[in-house]
Amino acid sequence: MPENLLRMYVRFSAPMGQQGGRDHIMFVDDSGREVPDVVVPLDTDLWNAERTRYTVILDPGRVKREILPNRDMGRALHDGTGITIVVKPDWRDAHGLPLTREYRRRYRIGPAEQRALSTMEWHVTPPGAGTRDALTVAFPKPLDSGLLQRSLSVGRGNSNIPGEVRLGSGETQWQFFPQSEWERGPYTLTVQPILEDLAGNRIGRAFEVLSRGDAVPSESAVPVLVPFIVK
């Protein structure tokens, strides 16, 4: 993960209770010490509708350079080191029962990812006409899995095509399987502007914007259209 990571997810095998993860998630460095003040304190907890996916938001004030929390404490994650995410077993599920055991997963921290997303760097592999094979889109770096599942859609003319979305290869691949066979001709992949990578970078706009004088275009609410042809 990049040292300027902004968001990650904890997924559960069954619905969880009303309590959030603030007191049940720790970040531990390779010396075994808890890293303080990693997660932003929120008044609400970010669950999906089924309460099986919890969103962990790292404090953007520590991530973004040249603002007060970053100047005072620096980033919580550091390139070249490791970090272990610990989920404590006292976190209770929808039936009031604790987890069966503590969960730990270690990540290696890499350099900050500070470039805006660009669809020009994506590789789109169209399927063949008359099949229900997947449309495959490969990305040069991992994207946010939660946003990726709802930010891309496929259309023909003025209509969206119903189908199933699957993610692969560590969130560097998006696949779309249509409900009906592909027809020959032009299609459009529509990308919503909310799509981000792990560090909050969006299409045409990097998260790390230091001033209004930076040569970065303003964030847009207009979707990006990527055409492709089925043969």
Protein backbone atom coordinates (compact mmCIF):
# COMPACT_ATOMS: atom_id res chain seq x y z
CA MET A 1 0.00 0.00 0.00
CA PRO A 2 1.21 3.56 -0.63
CA GLU A 3 2.34 5.64 2.32
CA ASN A 4 -0.41 8.15 1.51
CA LEU A 5 -3.18 5.54 1.74
CA LEU A 6 -6.55 7.16 2.44
CA ARG A 7 -9.07 4.31 2.63
CA MET A 8 -9.26 0.57 3.20
CA TYR A 9 -12.01 -1.95 3.90
CA VAL A 10 -12.58 -4.69 6.48
CA ARG A 11 -14.91 -7.38 5.15
CA PHE A 12 -16.78 -9.84 7.36
CA SER A 13 -18.31 -13.23 6.62
CA ALA A 14 -21.60 -12.28 8.33
CA PRO A 15 -23.44 -9.07 9.32
CA MET A 16 -21.95 -7.09 12.19
CA GLY A 17 -23.64 -5.16 14.98
CA GLN A 18 -24.18 -1.43 15.35
CA GLN A 19 -20.79 -0.69 16.89
CA GLY A 20 -18.13 0.81 14.65
CA GLY A 21 -14.49 -0.08 14.31
CA ARG A 22 -12.82 2.86 16.01
CA ASP A 23 -12.06 0.87 19.19
CA HIS A 24 -11.52 -2.44 17.44
CA ILE A 25 -8.88 -1.71 14.79
CA MET A 26 -5.19 -1.06 15.47
CA PHE A 27 -2.23 -0.24 13.25
CA VAL A 28 0.95 -1.85 14.59
CA ASP A 29 4.46 -1.20 13.27
CA ASP A 30 7.15 -3.84 12.82
CA SER A 31 8.51 -3.22 16.30
CA GLY A 32 5.14 -4.21 17.77
CA ARG A 33 4.11 -0.71 18.83
CA GLU A 34 0.69 0.70 18.04
CA VAL A 35 0.81 3.67 15.67
CA PRO A 36 -1.43 6.40 17.16
CA ASP A 37 -3.93 8.69 15.43
CA VAL A 38 -4.02 6.83 12.12
CA VAL A 39 -7.78 6.76 11.57
CA VAL A 40 -9.83 9.94 11.29
CA PRO A 41 -12.35 10.30 14.15
CA LEU A 42 -15.88 10.32 12.76
CA ASP A 43 -19.30 10.76 14.35
CA THR A 44 -20.71 8.09 12.06
CA ASP A 45 -19.55 4.64 11.00
CA LEU A 46 -19.30 3.73 7.35
CA TRP A 47 -20.94 0.33 6.77
CA ASN A 48 -22.44 -1.05 3.60
CA ALA A 49 -26.15 -1.89 3.64
CA GLU A 50 -25.51 -5.50 4.70
CA ARG A 51 -23.09 -4.43 7.47
CA THR A 52 -20.50 -6.85 6.12
CA ARG A 53 -18.01 -4.21 4.91
CA TYR A 54 -16.57 -1.52 7.14
CA THR A 55 -14.72 1.45 5.64
CA VAL A 56 -11.58 2.59 7.44
CA ILE A 57 -10.62 6.17 6.56
CA LEU A 58 -7.10 7.27 7.39
CA ASP A 59 -6.78 10.83 8.61
CA PRO A 60 -6.34 12.96 5.46
CA GLY A 61 -4.90 15.72 7.61
CA ARG A 62 -1.86 13.54 8.26
CA VAL A 63 -1.69 12.31 4.67
CA LYS A 64 -1.79 15.63 2.85
CA ARG A 65 1.42 17.63 3.01
CA GLU A 66 1.81 21.14 4.37
CA ILE A 67 -1.29 21.24 6.55
CA LEU A 68 -1.17 21.34 10.35
CA PRO A 69 -1.62 17.65 11.33
CA ASN A 70 0.92 16.61 8.71
CA ARG A 71 3.44 19.22 9.86
CA ASP A 72 2.97 18.24 13.52
CA MET A 73 2.94 14.42 13.22
CA GLY A 74 3.88 13.51 9.66
CA ARG A 75 2.33 10.61 7.82
CA ALA A 76 1.34 7.54 9.82
CA LEU A 77 2.73 5.18 7.16
CA HIS A 78 6.27 5.33 5.83
CA ASP A 79 7.77 4.01 2.62
CA GLY A 80 10.08 1.02 3.14
CA THR A 81 8.49 -0.15 6.40
CA GLY A 82 5.67 -2.52 7.27
CA ILE A 83 2.35 -2.09 9.01
CA THR A 84 0.07 -4.72 10.52
CA ILE A 85 -3.68 -4.19 10.67
CA VAL A 86 -5.15 -5.78 13.80
CA VAL A 87 -8.88 -6.44 14.16
CA LYS A 88 -9.64 -7.18 17.81
CA PRO A 89 -11.84 -10.18 18.64
CA ASP A 90 -14.14 -8.21 20.97
CA TRP A 91 -15.85 -6.62 17.95
CA ARG A 92 -19.39 -8.06 18.07
CA ASP A 93 -21.59 -9.25 15.25
CA ALA A 94 -25.31 -8.71 14.65
CA HIS A 95 -26.13 -11.39 17.25
CA GLY A 96 -23.94 -9.80 19.92
CA LEU A 97 -21.25 -12.46 19.61
CA PRO A 98 -17.51 -11.60 19.48
CA LEU A 99 -15.29 -12.62 16.60
CA THR A 100 -13.85 -16.11 16.83
CA ARG A 101 -10.29 -14.80 16.94
CA GLU A 102 -8.06 -11.79 16.40
CA TYR A 103 -7.27 -11.01 12.78
CA ARG A 104 -3.89 -9.70 11.61
CA ARG A 105 -2.55 -8.81 8.20
CA ARG A 106 0.79 -7.22 7.43
CA TYR A 107 1.31 -4.85 4.51
CA ARG A 108 4.49 -3.50 3.00
CA ILE A 109 4.46 0.29 2.64
CA GLY A 110 5.56 1.71 -0.71
CA PRO A 111 6.12 5.25 -1.98
CA ALA A 112 3.31 7.79 -2.09
CA GLU A 113 1.05 7.64 -5.15
CA GLN A 114 0.61 11.26 -6.23
CA ARG A 115 -0.42 11.10 -9.89
CA ALA A 116 -3.93 11.73 -11.13
CA LEU A 117 -5.76 8.87 -12.82
CA SER A 118 -5.83 8.80 -16.61
CA THR A 119 -8.05 6.57 -18.73
CA MET A 120 -5.38 6.84 -21.44
CA GLU A 121 -3.29 4.44 -19.33
CA TRP A 122 -6.07 1.84 -19.10
CA HIS A 123 -6.08 -1.20 -21.36
CA VAL A 124 -9.56 -2.14 -22.63
CA THR A 125 -10.01 -5.62 -24.11
CA PRO A 126 -13.33 -5.89 -25.96
CA PRO A 127 -15.13 -9.25 -26.17
CA GLY A 128 -16.19 -10.94 -29.38
CA ALA A 129 -19.59 -10.35 -30.97
CA GLY A 130 -22.14 -13.10 -30.36
CA THR A 131 -20.55 -14.09 -27.02
CA ARG A 132 -21.18 -13.28 -23.39
CA ASP A 133 -17.46 -13.05 -22.69
CA ALA A 134 -16.20 -10.36 -20.36
CA LEU A 135 -15.24 -6.84 -21.29
CA THR A 136 -11.93 -6.48 -19.44
CA VAL A 137 -10.36 -3.21 -18.31
CA ALA A 138 -6.84 -3.35 -16.83
CA PHE A 139 -5.41 -0.51 -14.73
CA PRO A 140 -1.72 0.31 -14.17
CA LYS A 141 -2.26 0.53 -10.39
CA PRO A 142 -4.86 -0.65 -7.85
CA LEU A 143 -8.04 1.38 -7.59
CA ASP A 144 -10.45 1.71 -4.67
CA SER A 145 -12.44 -1.54 -4.70
CA GLY A 146 -15.59 -0.10 -3.15
CA LEU A 147 -15.79 2.77 -5.62
CA LEU A 148 -14.70 0.61 -8.55
CA GLN A 149 -17.74 -1.65 -8.21
CA ARG A 150 -20.15 1.26 -8.74
CA SER A 151 -18.21 3.78 -10.82
CA LEU A 152 -18.04 2.00 -14.19
CA SER A 153 -20.89 1.05 -16.50
CA VAL A 154 -21.28 -0.09 -20.09
CA GLY A 155 -23.69 1.44 -22.58
CA ARG A 156 -24.77 1.17 -26.19
CA GLY A 157 -26.45 4.22 -27.63
CA ASN A 158 -28.46 5.84 -24.84
CA SER A 159 -29.02 2.66 -22.82
CA ASN A 160 -26.95 0.98 -20.14
CA ILE A 161 -26.37 -2.74 -20.52
CA PRO A 162 -27.28 -4.98 -17.56
CA GLY A 163 -24.65 -7.42 -16.41
CA GLU A 164 -22.32 -8.59 -13.65
CA VAL A 165 -19.16 -6.84 -12.46
CA ARG A 166 -16.14 -8.70 -11.11
CA LEU A 167 -12.84 -7.36 -9.81
CA GLY A 168 -9.54 -9.18 -10.17
CA SER A 169 -5.77 -9.02 -9.78
CA GLY A 170 -5.68 -6.89 -6.65
CA GLU A 171 -8.14 -4.27 -7.93
CA THR A 172 -6.10 -3.71 -11.09
CA GLN A 173 -8.72 -5.36 -13.31
CA TRP A 174 -12.45 -4.75 -13.89
CA GLN A 175 -14.59 -7.22 -15.80
CA PHE A 176 -18.15 -6.88 -17.08
CA PHE A 177 -20.23 -9.92 -18.07
CA PRO A 178 -23.42 -8.95 -19.97
CA GLN A 179 -26.75 -10.67 -19.48
CA SER A 180 -27.18 -10.95 -23.25
CA GLU A 181 -24.77 -11.59 -26.11
CA TRP A 182 -22.65 -8.73 -27.40
CA GLU A 183 -23.64 -7.21 -30.73
CA ARG A 184 -21.23 -5.87 -33.29
CA GLY A 185 -20.62 -2.16 -33.15
CA PRO A 186 -19.63 0.72 -30.87
CA TYR A 187 -20.08 0.74 -27.09
CA THR A 188 -19.12 3.16 -24.33
CA LEU A 189 -17.51 2.57 -20.96
CA THR A 190 -18.73 5.33 -18.64
CA VAL A 191 -16.50 6.25 -15.68
CA GLN A 192 -18.03 8.28 -12.86
CA PRO A 193 -15.85 11.09 -11.44
CA ILE A 194 -16.02 9.64 -7.91
CA LEU A 195 -13.56 6.87 -8.88
CA GLU A 196 -10.30 7.04 -6.90
CA ASP A 197 -7.13 5.05 -6.36
CA LEU A 198 -5.95 4.07 -2.87
CA ALA A 199 -4.56 7.55 -2.25
CA GLY A 200 -7.60 9.57 -3.29
CA ASN A 201 -6.38 10.54 -6.76
CA ARG A 202 -9.16 10.98 -9.31
CA ILE A 203 -9.28 11.24 -13.09
CA GLY A 204 -7.50 14.45 -14.04
CA ARG A 205 -6.96 15.53 -10.43
CA ALA A 206 -4.39 14.39 -7.89
CA PHE A 207 -5.32 14.40 -4.20
CA GLU A 208 -2.05 16.13 -3.36
CA VAL A 209 -2.91 19.67 -4.47
CA LEU A 210 -0.91 22.19 -2.50
CA SER A 211 -2.29 25.47 -3.80
CA ARG A 212 -4.58 27.04 -6.34
CA GLY A 213 -1.56 27.74 -8.46
CA ASP A 214 -0.85 24.06 -9.08
CA ALA A 215 -1.32 23.03 -12.69
CA VAL A 216 -4.13 20.60 -11.95
CA PRO A 217 -7.59 20.95 -13.52
CA SER A 218 -10.60 21.47 -11.31
CA GLU A 219 -12.56 18.42 -10.23
CA SER A 220 -15.41 17.69 -12.60
CA ALA A 221 -18.82 16.17 -12.04
CA VAL A 222 -18.95 15.02 -15.66
CA PRO A 223 -18.38 11.30 -16.32
CA VAL A 224 -15.52 10.26 -18.59
CA LEU A 225 -16.51 8.25 -21.67
CA VAL A 226 -14.21 5.55 -23.05
CA PRO A 227 -15.40 4.18 -26.42
CA PHE A 228 -14.69 0.64 -27.61
CA ILE A 229 -15.85 -1.54 -30.49
CA VAL A 230 -17.09 -5.13 -30.45
CA LYS A 231 -16.17 -7.03 -33.62
